[in-house]
Amino acid sequence: MTVISLRLADSMLIALEKQARALHVSRTEYVRKALEAMLGNASQAARNQRMAMVSNKVRRESMRVNAEFDRIENDPEV
């Protein structure tokens, strides 16, 4: 496991220590869990963005196909 160092505002450190004590975890564990949560949220947001993009592509293609079916149904020459 790698060790990192970071600088925090005094007020943030106080809040971090308070929350860690309330959860009965060390500051290190609290920060680790916070980073894991943020990384998970970022991954989920990226997945959601990709799903929305793909969904829009599928929607556009479905609309095109539906329009083609409508044209065929309403055109006796096709």
N, C-alpha and C. Protein backbone atom coordinates (compact mmCIF):
# COMPACT_ATOMS: atom_id res chain seq x y z
N MET A 1 0.85 -1.18 0.00
CA MET A 1 0.00 0.00 0.00
C MET A 1 0.90 1.24 0.00
N THR A 2 0.52 2.21 -0.79
CA THR A 2 1.29 3.44 -0.91
C THR A 2 0.80 4.47 0.10
N VAL A 3 1.71 5.26 0.62
CA VAL A 3 1.38 6.33 1.55
C VAL A 3 1.37 7.64 0.79
N ILE A 4 0.36 8.47 1.05
CA ILE A 4 0.31 9.80 0.45
C ILE A 4 0.23 10.83 1.57
N SER A 5 0.54 12.05 1.22
CA SER A 5 0.45 13.17 2.16
C SER A 5 -0.47 14.20 1.53
N LEU A 6 -1.33 14.83 2.34
CA LEU A 6 -2.16 15.88 1.78
C LEU A 6 -2.35 16.99 2.78
N ARG A 7 -2.62 18.16 2.28
CA ARG A 7 -2.84 19.33 3.12
C ARG A 7 -4.34 19.61 3.17
N LEU A 8 -4.82 19.86 4.40
CA LEU A 8 -6.22 20.18 4.60
C LEU A 8 -6.33 21.47 5.39
N ALA A 9 -7.38 22.20 5.12
CA ALA A 9 -7.68 23.36 5.96
C ALA A 9 -7.99 22.83 7.36
N ASP A 10 -7.65 23.63 8.37
CA ASP A 10 -7.88 23.21 9.76
C ASP A 10 -9.34 22.84 9.98
N SER A 11 -10.24 23.63 9.42
CA SER A 11 -11.67 23.36 9.62
C SER A 11 -12.08 22.02 9.00
N MET A 12 -11.46 21.65 7.87
CA MET A 12 -11.77 20.38 7.25
C MET A 12 -11.24 19.22 8.09
N LEU A 13 -10.05 19.38 8.64
CA LEU A 13 -9.48 18.35 9.48
C LEU A 13 -10.34 18.14 10.73
N ILE A 14 -10.81 19.22 11.32
CA ILE A 14 -11.67 19.11 12.50
C ILE A 14 -12.95 18.36 12.15
N ALA A 15 -13.56 18.72 11.01
CA ALA A 15 -14.79 18.04 10.58
C ALA A 15 -14.52 16.57 10.28
N LEU A 16 -13.39 16.28 9.65
CA LEU A 16 -13.02 14.90 9.33
C LEU A 16 -12.86 14.09 10.61
N GLU A 17 -12.13 14.64 11.58
CA GLU A 17 -11.92 13.94 12.84
C GLU A 17 -13.25 13.69 13.57
N LYS A 18 -14.12 14.67 13.55
CA LYS A 18 -15.42 14.54 14.20
C LYS A 18 -16.24 13.41 13.56
N GLN A 19 -16.28 13.39 12.24
CA GLN A 19 -17.03 12.35 11.53
C GLN A 19 -16.40 10.97 11.73
N ALA A 20 -15.09 10.90 11.70
CA ALA A 20 -14.40 9.62 11.90
C ALA A 20 -14.70 9.07 13.29
N ARG A 21 -14.64 9.93 14.30
CA ARG A 21 -14.97 9.48 15.66
C ARG A 21 -16.40 8.99 15.74
N ALA A 22 -17.32 9.73 15.11
CA ALA A 22 -18.74 9.35 15.14
C ALA A 22 -18.96 7.98 14.49
N LEU A 23 -18.16 7.66 13.50
CA LEU A 23 -18.28 6.38 12.80
C LEU A 23 -17.36 5.30 13.39
N HIS A 24 -16.59 5.67 14.42
CA HIS A 24 -15.67 4.73 15.07
C HIS A 24 -14.66 4.15 14.10
N VAL A 25 -14.11 5.03 13.26
CA VAL A 25 -13.03 4.63 12.34
C VAL A 25 -11.90 5.64 12.48
N SER A 26 -10.73 5.24 12.04
CA SER A 26 -9.58 6.15 12.07
C SER A 26 -9.75 7.22 10.99
N ARG A 27 -8.96 8.29 11.13
CA ARG A 27 -8.98 9.32 10.07
C ARG A 27 -8.59 8.71 8.74
N THR A 28 -7.58 7.85 8.77
CA THR A 28 -7.11 7.22 7.54
C THR A 28 -8.22 6.41 6.89
N GLU A 29 -8.92 5.61 7.69
CA GLU A 29 -10.01 4.78 7.16
C GLU A 29 -11.14 5.66 6.62
N TYR A 30 -11.43 6.74 7.33
CA TYR A 30 -12.48 7.66 6.89
C TYR A 30 -12.12 8.27 5.53
N VAL A 31 -10.88 8.74 5.39
CA VAL A 31 -10.44 9.34 4.12
C VAL A 31 -10.45 8.29 3.02
N ARG A 32 -9.98 7.07 3.34
CA ARG A 32 -9.96 6.00 2.34
C ARG A 32 -11.39 5.70 1.86
N LYS A 33 -12.32 5.59 2.80
CA LYS A 33 -13.71 5.31 2.42
C LYS A 33 -14.31 6.46 1.61
N ALA A 34 -13.96 7.69 1.96
CA ALA A 34 -14.46 8.84 1.21
C ALA A 34 -13.93 8.82 -0.22
N LEU A 35 -12.65 8.49 -0.38
CA LEU A 35 -12.07 8.40 -1.72
C LEU A 35 -12.70 7.25 -2.51
N GLU A 36 -12.90 6.12 -1.86
CA GLU A 36 -13.55 4.99 -2.54
C GLU A 36 -14.95 5.38 -3.01
N ALA A 37 -15.69 6.09 -2.16
CA ALA A 37 -17.04 6.52 -2.54
C ALA A 37 -16.99 7.48 -3.72
N MET A 38 -16.06 8.41 -3.68
CA MET A 38 -15.97 9.38 -4.77
C MET A 38 -15.56 8.70 -6.07
N LEU A 39 -14.61 7.78 -6.00
CA LEU A 39 -14.21 7.04 -7.20
C LEU A 39 -15.38 6.22 -7.75
N GLY A 40 -16.14 5.61 -6.84
CA GLY A 40 -17.32 4.85 -7.27
C GLY A 40 -18.35 5.74 -7.93
N ASN A 41 -18.55 6.92 -7.35
CA ASN A 41 -19.51 7.87 -7.93
C ASN A 41 -19.05 8.33 -9.31
N ALA A 42 -17.75 8.58 -9.45
CA ALA A 42 -17.23 9.02 -10.75
C ALA A 42 -17.40 7.92 -11.79
N SER A 43 -17.14 6.67 -11.39
CA SER A 43 -17.31 5.55 -12.32
C SER A 43 -18.77 5.40 -12.72
N GLN A 44 -19.67 5.53 -11.75
CA GLN A 44 -21.09 5.42 -12.04
C GLN A 44 -21.56 6.55 -12.95
N ALA A 45 -21.06 7.75 -12.71
CA ALA A 45 -21.42 8.89 -13.57
C ALA A 45 -20.94 8.67 -15.00
N ALA A 46 -19.74 8.13 -15.16
CA ALA A 46 -19.22 7.84 -16.50
C ALA A 46 -20.06 6.77 -17.18
N ARG A 47 -20.45 5.72 -16.42
CA ARG A 47 -21.32 4.68 -16.99
C ARG A 47 -22.67 5.27 -17.39
N ASN A 48 -23.23 6.11 -16.54
CA ASN A 48 -24.52 6.74 -16.86
C ASN A 48 -24.43 7.59 -18.11
N GLN A 49 -23.32 8.31 -18.25
CA GLN A 49 -23.13 9.16 -19.43
C GLN A 49 -23.04 8.30 -20.69
N ARG A 50 -22.28 7.20 -20.61
CA ARG A 50 -22.17 6.30 -21.77
C ARG A 50 -23.52 5.68 -22.11
N MET A 51 -24.27 5.28 -21.09
CA MET A 51 -25.59 4.68 -21.33
C MET A 51 -26.54 5.69 -21.97
N ALA A 52 -26.49 6.92 -21.52
CA ALA A 52 -27.35 7.96 -22.10
C ALA A 52 -26.98 8.20 -23.56
N MET A 53 -25.69 8.22 -23.86
CA MET A 53 -25.24 8.42 -25.24
C MET A 53 -25.71 7.28 -26.13
N VAL A 54 -25.54 6.05 -25.66
CA VAL A 54 -25.96 4.89 -26.45
C VAL A 54 -27.48 4.88 -26.59
N SER A 55 -28.17 5.20 -25.52
CA SER A 55 -29.63 5.24 -25.56
C SER A 55 -30.12 6.25 -26.59
N ASN A 56 -29.48 7.40 -26.65
CA ASN A 56 -29.86 8.41 -27.64
C ASN A 56 -29.62 7.92 -29.06
N LYS A 57 -28.51 7.21 -29.27
CA LYS A 57 -28.23 6.66 -30.60
C LYS A 57 -29.30 5.64 -30.98
N VAL A 58 -29.65 4.77 -30.04
CA VAL A 58 -30.69 3.76 -30.31
C VAL A 58 -32.03 4.44 -30.58
N ARG A 59 -32.33 5.48 -29.80
CA ARG A 59 -33.60 6.21 -29.99
C ARG A 59 -33.66 6.82 -31.39
N ARG A 60 -32.57 7.46 -31.80
CA ARG A 60 -32.56 8.08 -33.13
C ARG A 60 -32.76 7.02 -34.22
N GLU A 61 -32.10 5.89 -34.08
CA GLU A 61 -32.24 4.82 -35.07
C GLU A 61 -33.65 4.26 -35.06
N SER A 62 -34.23 4.09 -33.88
CA SER A 62 -35.60 3.60 -33.78
C SER A 62 -36.58 4.57 -34.44
N MET A 63 -36.37 5.85 -34.24
CA MET A 63 -37.23 6.86 -34.85
C MET A 63 -37.11 6.80 -36.38
N ARG A 64 -35.89 6.59 -36.88
CA ARG A 64 -35.68 6.48 -38.31
C ARG A 64 -36.40 5.26 -38.86
N VAL A 65 -36.27 4.12 -38.18
CA VAL A 65 -36.92 2.89 -38.62
C VAL A 65 -38.44 3.05 -38.57
N ASN A 66 -38.95 3.64 -37.50
CA ASN A 66 -40.40 3.85 -37.39
C ASN A 66 -40.92 4.75 -38.52
N ALA A 67 -40.16 5.79 -38.84
CA ALA A 67 -40.55 6.68 -39.93
C ALA A 67 -40.58 5.90 -41.24
N GLU A 68 -39.61 5.03 -41.44
CA GLU A 68 -39.58 4.22 -42.66
C GLU A 68 -40.78 3.28 -42.72
N PHE A 69 -41.13 2.65 -41.61
CA PHE A 69 -42.31 1.78 -41.58
C PHE A 69 -43.59 2.58 -41.87
N ASP A 70 -43.69 3.78 -41.30
CA ASP A 70 -44.85 4.63 -41.57
C ASP A 70 -44.94 4.94 -43.05
N ARG A 71 -43.81 5.27 -43.66
CA ARG A 71 -43.80 5.60 -45.09
C ARG A 71 -44.26 4.39 -45.91
N ILE A 72 -43.77 3.22 -45.55
CA ILE A 72 -44.13 2.01 -46.28
C ILE A 72 -45.61 1.68 -46.10
N GLU A 73 -46.11 1.79 -44.88
CA GLU A 73 -47.53 1.49 -44.61
C GLU A 73 -48.47 2.43 -45.34
N ASN A 74 -48.05 3.69 -45.50
CA ASN A 74 -48.93 4.70 -46.09
C ASN A 74 -48.72 4.90 -47.58
N ASP A 75 -47.79 4.19 -48.18
CA ASP A 75 -47.50 4.36 -49.60
C ASP A 75 -47.85 3.07 -50.32
N PRO A 76 -48.94 3.03 -51.05
CA PRO A 76 -49.35 1.80 -51.73
C PRO A 76 -48.37 1.35 -52.82
N GLU A 77 -47.51 2.21 -53.26
CA GLU A 77 -46.55 1.88 -54.32
C GLU A 77 -45.33 1.13 -53.80
N VAL A 78 -45.12 1.10 -52.49
CA VAL A 78 -43.91 0.47 -51.93
C VAL A 78 -44.14 -0.98 -51.64
